[in-house]
């Protein structure tokens, strides 16, 4: 009986260690078929308040820690998400996906807290990725250029 309990505990522990998802390139690399969104691409991410900033489906918005400002001709804010996703994989996701939405990569900081900075038209987008013990936090800052 004691051996069964130890084996069950070991299986439970190992399952928890592999729970963080790895967003491989195949999951979020765009596939275009006559300018139509494929089923694979549509299932890889979703859009929240900004229609040109894809968010992996594994990341869920935290409305209590997010703020959105919108007025005539201006939409800006800071959106916070969290999920069980590997931070390096999330970095790679945005490094590849944002240029596909016509965002220009300006700079990035990798390792530890990771930051990517993008520009598009008259807007800036700063993406901050913070890896925690059980969850990865994602902050997306969108502001107009001065």
Protein backbone atom coordinates (compact mmCIF):
# COMPACT_ATOMS: atom_id res chain seq x y z
CA UNK A 1 0.00 0.00 0.00
CA UNK A 2 2.84 2.37 0.89
CA UNK A 3 4.56 1.61 -2.45
CA UNK A 4 1.36 2.38 -4.34
CA UNK A 5 1.09 5.72 -2.58
CA UNK A 6 4.73 6.60 -3.39
CA UNK A 7 4.31 5.61 -7.06
CA UNK A 8 1.09 7.66 -7.29
CA UNK A 9 2.82 10.65 -5.71
CA UNK A 10 5.76 10.31 -8.10
CA UNK A 11 3.45 10.21 -11.15
CA UNK A 12 1.55 13.25 -9.86
CA UNK A 13 4.83 15.15 -9.33
CA UNK A 14 6.18 14.29 -12.79
CA UNK A 15 2.92 15.33 -14.45
CA UNK A 16 3.15 18.72 -12.72
CA UNK A 17 6.73 19.25 -13.90
CA UNK A 18 5.74 18.86 -17.54
CA UNK A 19 2.59 20.98 -17.37
CA UNK A 20 4.24 24.19 -18.73
CA UNK A 21 3.53 24.31 -22.44
CA UNK A 22 6.15 24.93 -25.07
CA UNK A 23 4.87 27.05 -27.94
CA UNK A 24 6.75 25.55 -30.84
CA UNK A 25 7.12 27.39 -34.11
CA UNK A 26 4.63 25.08 -35.83
CA UNK A 27 1.88 26.22 -33.45
CA UNK A 28 2.11 29.90 -34.25
CA UNK A 29 3.87 30.29 -37.57
CA UNK A 30 1.32 31.76 -39.96
CA UNK A 31 0.10 29.71 -42.87
CA UNK A 32 -1.61 31.59 -45.66
CA UNK A 33 -3.88 29.95 -48.21
CA UNK A 34 -5.08 32.56 -50.69
CA UNK A 35 -5.06 35.24 -47.94
CA UNK A 36 -7.40 33.20 -45.74
CA UNK A 37 -6.70 32.34 -42.13
CA UNK A 38 -6.22 28.61 -41.78
CA UNK A 39 -7.81 26.57 -39.01
CA UNK A 40 -4.34 25.87 -37.54
CA UNK A 41 -3.47 29.57 -37.45
CA UNK A 42 -6.84 30.54 -35.99
CA UNK A 43 -6.50 28.01 -33.20
CA UNK A 44 -2.94 29.05 -32.27
CA UNK A 45 -3.87 32.47 -30.92
CA UNK A 46 -6.65 34.93 -30.30
CA UNK A 47 -7.03 38.71 -30.28
CA UNK A 48 -8.35 40.71 -27.37
CA UNK A 49 -8.67 44.50 -27.52
CA UNK A 50 -6.07 45.05 -30.26
CA UNK A 51 -6.78 43.31 -33.55
CA UNK A 52 -3.12 43.28 -34.62
CA UNK A 53 -1.59 41.83 -31.44
CA UNK A 54 -1.97 38.04 -31.30
CA UNK A 55 -2.11 36.35 -27.89
CA UNK A 56 -1.44 32.62 -27.47
CA UNK A 57 -4.60 30.79 -26.42
CA UNK A 58 -2.78 29.42 -23.38
CA UNK A 59 -2.53 32.94 -21.94
CA UNK A 60 -5.60 34.26 -20.11
CA UNK A 61 -6.27 37.95 -19.51
CA UNK A 62 -6.16 39.33 -15.98
CA UNK A 63 -8.76 42.10 -16.10
CA UNK A 64 -7.98 43.31 -12.55
CA UNK A 65 -4.41 44.16 -13.54
CA UNK A 66 -5.17 45.53 -17.02
CA UNK A 67 -6.18 48.99 -18.16
CA UNK A 68 -7.48 50.13 -21.53
CA UNK A 69 -7.94 53.72 -22.69
CA UNK A 70 -9.90 54.55 -25.82
CA UNK A 71 -11.04 57.84 -27.31
CA UNK A 72 -11.50 59.20 -30.81
CA UNK A 73 -8.58 57.93 -32.86
CA UNK A 74 -6.62 56.62 -29.86
CA UNK A 75 -6.48 53.25 -28.17
CA UNK A 76 -3.78 52.55 -25.58
CA UNK A 77 -3.26 50.64 -22.38
CA UNK A 78 -1.57 47.84 -20.53
CA UNK A 79 -2.99 44.34 -20.74
CA UNK A 80 -1.83 41.60 -18.36
CA UNK A 81 -2.09 37.88 -19.04
CA UNK A 82 -0.90 34.74 -17.30
CA UNK A 83 -0.61 31.09 -18.22
CA UNK A 84 1.42 27.93 -17.91
CA UNK A 85 3.75 28.65 -20.81
CA UNK A 86 7.54 28.54 -21.06
CA UNK A 87 8.88 32.12 -21.08
CA UNK A 88 11.49 31.45 -23.80
CA UNK A 89 8.80 29.92 -26.00
CA UNK A 90 6.56 32.95 -25.40
CA UNK A 91 9.45 35.25 -26.36
CA UNK A 92 9.92 33.30 -29.61
CA UNK A 93 6.17 33.43 -30.27
CA UNK A 94 6.10 37.25 -30.22
CA UNK A 95 9.47 37.54 -31.99
CA UNK A 96 7.91 35.69 -34.95
CA UNK A 97 4.20 36.61 -34.73
CA UNK A 98 4.39 40.38 -34.34
CA UNK A 99 6.27 41.01 -37.64
CA UNK A 100 3.58 38.87 -39.31
CA UNK A 101 1.10 41.52 -38.11
CA UNK A 102 3.35 44.25 -39.66
CA UNK A 103 4.97 45.29 -36.36
CA UNK A 104 8.64 46.26 -36.67
CA UNK A 105 10.95 44.87 -34.00
CA UNK A 106 12.97 47.76 -32.54
CA UNK A 107 14.83 46.01 -29.72
CA UNK A 108 14.68 43.24 -27.19
CA UNK A 109 16.14 42.09 -23.88
CA UNK A 110 16.40 38.34 -23.45
CA UNK A 111 16.85 36.17 -20.34
CA UNK A 112 15.54 36.93 -16.89
CA UNK A 113 12.69 39.35 -17.46
CA UNK A 114 12.32 39.47 -21.23
CA UNK A 115 11.22 42.60 -23.10
CA UNK A 116 10.45 43.13 -26.78
CA UNK A 117 9.77 46.57 -28.29
CA UNK A 118 7.82 46.97 -31.54
CA UNK A 119 6.60 49.90 -33.65
CA UNK A 120 3.78 50.13 -36.16
CA UNK A 121 2.44 53.26 -37.83
CA UNK A 122 1.99 55.76 -34.99
CA UNK A 123 2.07 53.22 -32.12
CA UNK A 124 4.59 51.47 -29.88
CA UNK A 125 4.13 48.07 -28.27
CA UNK A 126 6.27 46.86 -25.38
CA UNK A 127 5.95 43.23 -24.39
CA UNK A 128 7.26 42.12 -20.99
CA UNK A 129 7.52 38.44 -20.05
CA UNK A 130 8.09 37.42 -16.43
CA UNK A 131 8.53 33.74 -15.62
CA UNK A 132 7.17 32.64 -12.26
CA UNK A 133 7.36 29.32 -10.48
CA UNK A 134 4.00 28.02 -11.69
CA UNK A 135 2.85 30.61 -14.23
CA UNK A 136 4.33 33.04 -16.71
CA UNK A 137 3.06 36.62 -16.66
CA UNK A 138 2.74 38.64 -19.85
CA UNK A 139 2.35 42.43 -19.94
CA UNK A 140 1.61 44.23 -23.19
CA UNK A 141 1.92 48.01 -23.20
CA UNK A 142 0.47 49.87 -26.20
CA UNK A 143 0.92 53.61 -26.58
CA UNK A 144 0.98 56.24 -29.30
CA UNK A 145 4.32 57.56 -30.55
CA UNK A 146 5.13 61.09 -29.50
